[in-house]
């Protein structure tokens, strides 16, 4: 019986010790508080600000590249607006196959696609000629077939089965010109006439108009289109 009483006395002693210890800690003013050197979000911000350089002390590096004097923010605004036009055209085209947009086409060799005064399809590097003879209304027929109609002459870009490029006064099977994106650069497109089920004739400007097969594509067959404020 004595060992049992002694055991209970030990338990009571331990419990009393724990109660006193907890009471003492809770009563201490600095109990469980971080020291002044402890990390807090506020202290970290103060630390960063104390180590940061004043704005006045920062001087431009001599190695910093100067802005191009010919660069204009208007160019950025125009490019952004062009992107919005392009996005709206593509979005509307999904909803409405009859959506249309005015576009110009320039290949990687620097030639704009135009219809000259003789009615021939050629390439030119003259920007003014692009503005007057190189704007095409791009859209689809009610049946969903694509077309490219010159805004100045109202004639349609056409490629016959033999690869001859010309302008047609009316829509026909030759005026069904498709586009496909370059797999390595989605901003580049190819314009082509589909002959049969598998044969494609790609439009080529060098600067005379011609067509080539898939194995002979080059910078003269890679086009970028533009529409919006600055169509050319």
C-alpha atoms as a PDB file:
ATOM      1  CA  UNK A   1       0.000   0.000   0.000  1.00  0.00           C
ATOM      2  CA  UNK A   2       2.911   2.307   0.813  1.00  0.00           C
ATOM      3  CA  UNK A   3       4.416   2.104  -2.710  1.00  0.00           C
ATOM      4  CA  UNK A   4       1.081   3.085  -4.216  1.00  0.00           C
ATOM      5  CA  UNK A   5       0.806   6.159  -1.994  1.00  0.00           C
ATOM      6  CA  UNK A   6       4.401   7.095  -2.850  1.00  0.00           C
ATOM      7  CA  UNK A   7       3.651   6.753  -6.591  1.00  0.00           C
ATOM      8  CA  UNK A   8       0.635   9.086  -6.370  1.00  0.00           C
ATOM      9  CA  UNK A   9       2.717  11.608  -4.409  1.00  0.00           C
ATOM     10  CA  UNK A  10       5.272  11.675  -7.220  1.00  0.00           C
ATOM     11  CA  UNK A  11       2.559  12.257  -9.824  1.00  0.00           C
ATOM     12  CA  UNK A  12       1.086  15.132  -7.799  1.00  0.00           C
ATOM     13  CA  UNK A  13       4.548  16.668  -7.435  1.00  0.00           C
ATOM     14  CA  UNK A  14       5.177  16.566 -11.168  1.00  0.00           C
ATOM     15  CA  UNK A  15       1.770  18.039 -11.957  1.00  0.00           C
ATOM     16  CA  UNK A  16       2.283  20.826  -9.429  1.00  0.00           C
ATOM     17  CA  UNK A  17       5.664  21.630 -10.943  1.00  0.00           C
ATOM     18  CA  UNK A  18       4.190  21.857 -14.432  1.00  0.00           C
ATOM     19  CA  UNK A  19       1.344  24.118 -13.264  1.00  0.00           C
ATOM     20  CA  UNK A  20       3.761  26.469 -11.535  1.00  0.00           C
ATOM     21  CA  UNK A  21       6.052  26.595 -14.557  1.00  0.00           C
ATOM     22  CA  UNK A  22       3.221  27.402 -16.975  1.00  0.00           C
ATOM     23  CA  UNK A  23       1.830  30.046 -14.629  1.00  0.00           C
ATOM     24  CA  UNK A  24       5.242  31.706 -14.365  1.00  0.00           C
ATOM     25  CA  UNK A  25       5.787  31.749 -18.120  1.00  0.00           C
ATOM     26  CA  UNK A  26       2.347  33.183 -18.896  1.00  0.00           C
ATOM     27  CA  UNK A  27       2.889  35.911 -16.379  1.00  0.00           C
ATOM     28  CA  UNK A  28       6.233  37.012 -17.786  1.00  0.00           C
ATOM     29  CA  UNK A  29       5.899  40.162 -20.019  1.00  0.00           C
ATOM     30  CA  UNK A  30       8.250  38.809 -22.688  1.00  0.00           C
ATOM     31  CA  UNK A  31       6.920  35.288 -22.703  1.00  0.00           C
ATOM     32  CA  UNK A  32       6.807  33.679 -26.155  1.00  0.00           C
ATOM     33  CA  UNK A  33       7.672  37.023 -27.841  1.00  0.00           C
ATOM     34  CA  UNK A  34      10.216  37.450 -30.573  1.00  0.00           C
ATOM     35  CA  UNK A  35      13.321  39.398 -29.795  1.00  0.00           C
ATOM     36  CA  UNK A  36      13.936  42.695 -31.505  1.00  0.00           C
ATOM     37  CA  UNK A  37      16.216  40.925 -33.927  1.00  0.00           C
ATOM     38  CA  UNK A  38      13.491  38.462 -34.955  1.00  0.00           C
ATOM     39  CA  UNK A  39      12.345  38.515 -38.593  1.00  0.00           C
ATOM     40  CA  UNK A  40       8.952  39.999 -39.440  1.00  0.00           C
ATOM     41  CA  UNK A  41       7.579  41.259 -42.765  1.00  0.00           C
ATOM     42  CA  UNK A  42       7.733  44.812 -41.419  1.00  0.00           C
ATOM     43  CA  UNK A  43      11.289  44.503 -40.195  1.00  0.00           C
ATOM     44  CA  UNK A  44      12.360  42.969 -43.492  1.00  0.00           C
ATOM     45  CA  UNK A  45      10.918  45.931 -45.393  1.00  0.00           C
ATOM     46  CA  UNK A  46      12.733  48.327 -43.074  1.00  0.00           C
ATOM     47  CA  UNK A  47      15.913  46.379 -43.587  1.00  0.00           C
ATOM     48  CA  UNK A  48      15.574  46.504 -47.357  1.00  0.00           C
ATOM     49  CA  UNK A  49      14.812  50.206 -47.386  1.00  0.00           C
ATOM     50  CA  UNK A  50      17.819  50.921 -45.187  1.00  0.00           C
ATOM     51  CA  UNK A  51      20.068  49.080 -47.603  1.00  0.00           C
ATOM     52  CA  UNK A  52      18.591  50.451 -50.835  1.00  0.00           C
ATOM     53  CA  UNK A  53      20.211  53.252 -52.790  1.00  0.00           C
ATOM     54  CA  UNK A  54      18.517  56.646 -52.942  1.00  0.00           C
ATOM     55  CA  UNK A  55      17.046  57.378 -56.346  1.00  0.00           C
ATOM     56  CA  UNK A  56      19.244  60.444 -56.663  1.00  0.00           C
ATOM     57  CA  UNK A  57      22.390  58.317 -56.355  1.00  0.00           C
ATOM     58  CA  UNK A  58      21.566  56.220 -59.412  1.00  0.00           C
ATOM     59  CA  UNK A  59      23.320  57.520 -62.509  1.00  0.00           C
ATOM     60  CA  UNK A  60      22.789  56.197 -66.033  1.00  0.00           C
ATOM     61  CA  UNK A  61      25.493  53.879 -67.238  1.00  0.00           C
ATOM     62  CA  UNK A  62      27.588  55.019 -70.156  1.00  0.00           C
ATOM     63  CA  UNK A  63      27.035  51.592 -71.675  1.00  0.00           C
ATOM     64  CA  UNK A  64      23.258  52.026 -71.829  1.00  0.00           C
ATOM     65  CA  UNK A  65      22.027  52.052 -75.416  1.00  0.00           C
ATOM     66  CA  UNK A  66      20.369  55.250 -76.604  1.00  0.00           C
ATOM     67  CA  UNK A  67      16.883  55.024 -78.056  1.00  0.00           C
ATOM     68  CA  UNK A  68      16.606  55.134 -81.805  1.00  0.00           C
ATOM     69  CA  UNK A  69      15.804  58.791 -82.641  1.00  0.00           C
ATOM     70  CA  UNK A  70      13.580  57.588 -85.477  1.00  0.00           C
ATOM     71  CA  UNK A  71      11.557  55.405 -83.116  1.00  0.00           C
ATOM     72  CA  UNK A  72       8.136  56.762 -82.311  1.00  0.00           C
ATOM     73  CA  UNK A  73       5.468  55.709 -79.860  1.00  0.00           C
ATOM     74  CA  UNK A  74       3.031  56.189 -82.710  1.00  0.00           C
ATOM     75  CA  UNK A  75       4.561  53.094 -84.309  1.00  0.00           C
ATOM     76  CA  UNK A  76       3.737  51.089 -81.188  1.00  0.00           C
ATOM     77  CA  UNK A  77       0.160  52.373 -81.164  1.00  0.00           C
ATOM     78  CA  UNK A  78      -0.245  51.555 -84.845  1.00  0.00           C
ATOM     79  CA  UNK A  79       1.119  48.040 -84.349  1.00  0.00           C
ATOM     80  CA  UNK A  80      -1.198  47.465 -81.397  1.00  0.00           C
ATOM     81  CA  UNK A  81      -4.148  48.736 -83.396  1.00  0.00           C
ATOM     82  CA  UNK A  82      -3.145  46.488 -86.286  1.00  0.00           C
ATOM     83  CA  UNK A  83      -3.138  43.535 -83.891  1.00  0.00           C
ATOM     84  CA  UNK A  84      -6.618  44.485 -82.686  1.00  0.00           C
ATOM     85  CA  UNK A  85      -7.859  44.712 -86.269  1.00  0.00           C
ATOM     86  CA  UNK A  86      -6.333  41.321 -87.015  1.00  0.00           C
ATOM     87  CA  UNK A  87      -7.840  39.776 -83.881  1.00  0.00           C
ATOM     88  CA  UNK A  88     -11.265  41.228 -84.653  1.00  0.00           C
ATOM     89  CA  UNK A  89     -11.076  39.974 -88.236  1.00  0.00           C
ATOM     90  CA  UNK A  90     -10.137  36.443 -87.200  1.00  0.00           C
ATOM     91  CA  UNK A  91     -12.768  36.379 -84.453  1.00  0.00           C
ATOM     92  CA  UNK A  92     -15.506  37.674 -86.717  1.00  0.00           C
ATOM     93  CA  UNK A  93     -14.447  35.256 -89.428  1.00  0.00           C
ATOM     94  CA  UNK A  94     -15.165  32.364 -87.096  1.00  0.00           C
ATOM     95  CA  UNK A  95     -18.586  33.747 -86.273  1.00  0.00           C
ATOM     96  CA  UNK A  96     -19.382  35.077 -89.713  1.00  0.00           C
ATOM     97  CA  UNK A  97     -17.708  33.543 -92.797  1.00  0.00           C
ATOM     98  CA  UNK A  98     -18.558  36.707 -94.751  1.00  0.00           C
ATOM     99  CA  UNK A  99     -16.247  38.912 -92.639  1.00  0.00           C
ATOM    100  CA  UNK A 100     -13.794  40.935 -94.708  1.00  0.00           C
ATOM    101  CA  UNK A 101     -10.656  42.986 -94.126  1.00  0.00           C
ATOM    102  CA  UNK A 102      -8.360  45.167 -96.224  1.00  0.00           C
ATOM    103  CA  UNK A 103      -4.829  43.747 -96.283  1.00  0.00           C
ATOM    104  CA  UNK A 104      -1.471  44.205 -97.945  1.00  0.00           C
ATOM    105  CA  UNK A 105       1.080  41.457 -98.530  1.00  0.00           C
ATOM    106  CA  UNK A 106       4.852  41.796 -98.402  1.00  0.00           C
ATOM    107  CA  UNK A 107       7.244  38.907 -98.859  1.00  0.00           C
ATOM    108  CA  UNK A 108      10.513  38.268 -97.039  1.00  0.00           C
ATOM    109  CA  UNK A 109      12.437  39.599-100.050  1.00  0.00           C
ATOM    110  CA  UNK A 110      10.827  43.017 -99.509  1.00  0.00           C
ATOM    111  CA  UNK A 111       8.293  42.984-102.365  1.00  0.00           C
ATOM    112  CA  UNK A 112       4.714  44.178-101.943  1.00  0.00           C
ATOM    113  CA  UNK A 113       2.059  42.291-103.883  1.00  0.00           C
ATOM    114  CA  UNK A 114       0.351  44.716-106.290  1.00  0.00           C
ATOM    115  CA  UNK A 115      -1.607  44.883-109.522  1.00  0.00           C
ATOM    116  CA  UNK A 116       0.202  47.305-111.815  1.00  0.00           C
ATOM    117  CA  UNK A 117      -1.342  49.716-114.307  1.00  0.00           C
ATOM    118  CA  UNK A 118      -1.216  47.037-117.006  1.00  0.00           C
ATOM    119  CA  UNK A 119      -3.275  44.666-114.895  1.00  0.00           C
ATOM    120  CA  UNK A 120      -0.346  42.359-114.149  1.00  0.00           C
ATOM    121  CA  UNK A 121       0.482  40.895-110.752  1.00  0.00           C
ATOM    122  CA  UNK A 122       3.997  41.947-109.725  1.00  0.00           C
ATOM    123  CA  UNK A 123       6.085  42.766-106.693  1.00  0.00           C
ATOM    124  CA  UNK A 124       7.299  46.260-105.837  1.00  0.00           C
ATOM    125  CA  UNK A 125       9.347  47.851-103.090  1.00  0.00           C
ATOM    126  CA  UNK A 126       7.634  51.202-103.650  1.00  0.00           C
ATOM    127  CA  UNK A 127       5.453  51.914-100.621  1.00  0.00           C
ATOM    128  CA  UNK A 128       3.316  54.460-102.477  1.00  0.00           C
ATOM    129  CA  UNK A 129       2.434  51.869-105.115  1.00  0.00           C
ATOM    130  CA  UNK A 130       1.438  49.469-102.385  1.00  0.00           C
ATOM    131  CA  UNK A 131      -0.937  52.075-100.961  1.00  0.00           C
ATOM    132  CA  UNK A 132      -2.566  52.709-104.347  1.00  0.00           C
ATOM    133  CA  UNK A 133      -2.391  49.287-106.036  1.00  0.00           C
ATOM    134  CA  UNK A 134      -1.593  46.774-103.309  1.00  0.00           C
ATOM    135  CA  UNK A 135      -4.571  46.810-100.945  1.00  0.00           C
ATOM    136  CA  UNK A 136      -6.703  43.690-101.196  1.00  0.00           C
ATOM    137  CA  UNK A 137     -10.099  43.001 -99.736  1.00  0.00           C
ATOM    138  CA  UNK A 138      -9.745  39.571 -98.155  1.00  0.00           C
ATOM    139  CA  UNK A 139     -12.802  37.541 -97.333  1.00  0.00           C
ATOM    140  CA  UNK A 140     -14.894  34.510 -98.115  1.00  0.00           C
ATOM    141  CA  UNK A 141     -17.811  33.870-100.402  1.00  0.00           C
ATOM    142  CA  UNK A 142     -21.171  32.819 -98.914  1.00  0.00           C
ATOM    143  CA  UNK A 143     -20.023  29.292 -99.672  1.00  0.00           C
ATOM    144  CA  UNK A 144     -16.876  29.770 -97.584  1.00  0.00           C
ATOM    145  CA  UNK A 145     -14.330  30.048-100.412  1.00  0.00           C
ATOM    146  CA  UNK A 146     -11.506  32.585 -99.879  1.00  0.00           C
ATOM    147  CA  UNK A 147     -10.865  35.459-102.274  1.00  0.00           C
ATOM    148  CA  UNK A 148      -8.471  38.424-102.674  1.00  0.00           C
ATOM    149  CA  UNK A 149      -9.991  41.404-104.479  1.00  0.00           C
ATOM    150  CA  UNK A 150      -7.886  44.438-105.342  1.00  0.00           C
ATOM    151  CA  UNK A 151      -9.483  47.549-103.826  1.00  0.00           C
ATOM    152  CA  UNK A 152      -8.364  49.811-106.673  1.00  0.00           C
ATOM    153  CA  UNK A 153      -9.479  47.699-109.636  1.00  0.00           C
ATOM    154  CA  UNK A 154     -12.040  45.357-108.050  1.00  0.00           C
ATOM    155  CA  UNK A 155     -10.328  42.428-109.794  1.00  0.00           C
ATOM    156  CA  UNK A 156      -9.535  39.135-108.087  1.00  0.00           C
ATOM    157  CA  UNK A 157      -6.120  37.594-107.571  1.00  0.00           C
ATOM    158  CA  UNK A 158      -6.074  34.350-109.547  1.00  0.00           C
ATOM    159  CA  UNK A 159      -3.806  31.399-110.321  1.00  0.00           C
ATOM    160  CA  UNK A 160      -4.687  29.039-113.141  1.00  0.00           C
ATOM    161  CA  UNK A 161      -3.958  25.274-113.037  1.00  0.00           C
ATOM    162  CA  UNK A 162      -0.739  25.819-115.003  1.00  0.00           C
ATOM    163  CA  UNK A 163       0.604  28.252-112.392  1.00  0.00           C
ATOM    164  CA  UNK A 164       0.015  31.492-114.268  1.00  0.00           C
ATOM    165  CA  UNK A 165      -0.794  34.384-111.921  1.00  0.00           C
ATOM    166  CA  UNK A 166      -3.248  37.004-113.147  1.00  0.00           C
ATOM    167  CA  UNK A 167      -6.122  39.269-112.116  1.00  0.00           C
ATOM    168  CA  UNK A 168      -9.615  38.060-112.941  1.00  0.00           C
ATOM    169  CA  UNK A 169     -12.601  40.413-113.361  1.00  0.00           C
ATOM    170  CA  UNK A 170     -14.898  37.758-111.903  1.00  0.00           C
ATOM    171  CA  UNK A 171     -14.695  35.018-109.324  1.00  0.00           C
ATOM    172  CA  UNK A 172     -14.017  31.505-110.543  1.00  0.00           C
ATOM    173  CA  UNK A 173     -12.051  28.425-109.544  1.00  0.00           C
ATOM    174  CA  UNK A 174      -8.767  30.271-110.205  1.00  0.00           C
ATOM    175  CA  UNK A 175      -9.587  32.971-107.644  1.00  0.00           C
ATOM    176  CA  UNK A 176      -9.834  30.492-104.774  1.00  0.00           C
ATOM    177  CA  UNK A 177      -6.492  31.292-103.126  1.00  0.00           C
ATOM    178  CA  UNK A 178      -5.725  29.661 -99.796  1.00  0.00           C
ATOM    179  CA  UNK A 179      -3.198  30.581 -97.108  1.00  0.00           C
ATOM    180  CA  UNK A 180      -1.167  28.429 -94.767  1.00  0.00           C
ATOM    181  CA  UNK A 181       1.125  29.447 -91.913  1.00  0.00           C
ATOM    182  CA  UNK A 182       4.801  28.628 -91.794  1.00  0.00           C
ATOM    183  CA  UNK A 183       5.361  25.915 -89.191  1.00  0.00           C
ATOM    184  CA  UNK A 184       8.431  27.683 -87.769  1.00  0.00           C
ATOM    185  CA  UNK A 185       7.052  31.231 -87.797  1.00  0.00           C
ATOM    186  CA  UNK A 186       3.297  31.656 -87.518  1.00  0.00           C
ATOM    187  CA  UNK A 187       3.516  35.287 -88.662  1.00  0.00           C
ATOM    188  CA  UNK A 188       4.576  34.072 -92.119  1.00  0.00           C
ATOM    189  CA  UNK A 189       1.960  32.841 -94.566  1.00  0.00           C
ATOM    190  CA  UNK A 190       2.032  31.217 -97.993  1.00  0.00           C
ATOM    191  CA  UNK A 191      -0.596  31.971-100.638  1.00  0.00           C
ATOM    192  CA  UNK A 192      -1.360  29.033-102.882  1.00  0.00           C
ATOM    193  CA  UNK A 193      -3.740  27.584-105.439  1.00  0.00           C
ATOM    194  CA  UNK A 194      -4.833  24.014-104.819  1.00  0.00           C
ATOM    195  CA  UNK A 195      -4.790  21.852-107.936  1.00  0.00           C
ATOM    196  CA  UNK A 196      -6.448  18.495-107.545  1.00  0.00           C
ATOM    197  CA  UNK A 197      -6.353  17.082-104.030  1.00  0.00           C
ATOM    198  CA  UNK A 198      -2.680  17.374-103.117  1.00  0.00           C
ATOM    199  CA  UNK A 199      -0.835  19.684-105.518  1.00  0.00           C
ATOM    200  CA  UNK A 200      -0.176  23.205-104.304  1.00  0.00           C
ATOM    201  CA  UNK A 201       1.083  26.104-106.409  1.00  0.00           C
ATOM    202  CA  UNK A 202       2.657  28.756-104.157  1.00  0.00           C
ATOM    203  CA  UNK A 203       2.625  32.426-105.169  1.00  0.00           C
ATOM    204  CA  UNK A 204       6.136  33.770-105.781  1.00  0.00           C
ATOM    205  CA  UNK A 205       7.195  37.412-106.316  1.00  0.00           C
ATOM    206  CA  UNK A 206      10.763  38.068-107.444  1.00  0.00           C
ATOM    207  CA  UNK A 207       9.516  40.676-108.534  1.00  0.00           C
ATOM    208  CA  UNK A 208       7.638  39.059-111.432  1.00  0.00           C
ATOM    209  CA  UNK A 209       4.773  36.853-110.304  1.00  0.00           C
ATOM    210  CA  UNK A 210       5.132  33.128-110.624  1.00  0.00           C
ATOM    211  CA  UNK A 211       4.271  29.934-108.771  1.00  0.00           C
ATOM    212  CA  UNK A 212       6.507  27.233-107.312  1.00  0.00           C
ATOM    213  CA  UNK A 213       6.026  23.853-105.730  1.00  0.00           C
ATOM    214  CA  UNK A 214       6.479  23.067-102.016  1.00  0.00           C
ATOM    215  CA  UNK A 215      10.106  22.023-102.545  1.00  0.00           C
ATOM    216  CA  UNK A 216      11.050  25.420-104.018  1.00  0.00           C
ATOM    217  CA  UNK A 217       9.668  27.859-101.451  1.00  0.00           C
ATOM    218  CA  UNK A 218      11.992  30.692-100.402  1.00  0.00           C
ATOM    219  CA  UNK A 219      11.926  34.296 -99.187  1.00  0.00           C
ATOM    220  CA  UNK A 220       9.963  35.269-102.291  1.00  0.00           C
ATOM    221  CA  UNK A 221       7.096  32.958-101.299  1.00  0.00           C
ATOM    222  CA  UNK A 222       6.982  33.908 -97.597  1.00  0.00           C
ATOM    223  CA  UNK A 223       4.495  36.708 -96.957  1.00  0.00           C
ATOM    224  CA  UNK A 224       3.380  38.788 -94.022  1.00  0.00           C
ATOM    225  CA  UNK A 225      -0.002  40.467 -94.193  1.00  0.00           C
ATOM    226  CA  UNK A 226      -0.922  43.776 -92.623  1.00  0.00           C
ATOM    227  CA  UNK A 227      -4.167  45.584 -92.068  1.00  0.00           C
ATOM    228  CA  UNK A 228      -5.407  48.452 -89.947  1.00  0.00           C
ATOM    229  CA  UNK A 229      -4.241  52.059 -89.732  1.00  0.00           C
ATOM    230  CA  UNK A 230      -1.115  51.527 -91.839  1.00  0.00           C
ATOM    231  CA  UNK A 231      -2.190  48.837 -94.271  1.00  0.00           C
ATOM    232  CA  UNK A 232       1.149  48.814 -96.121  1.00  0.00           C
END
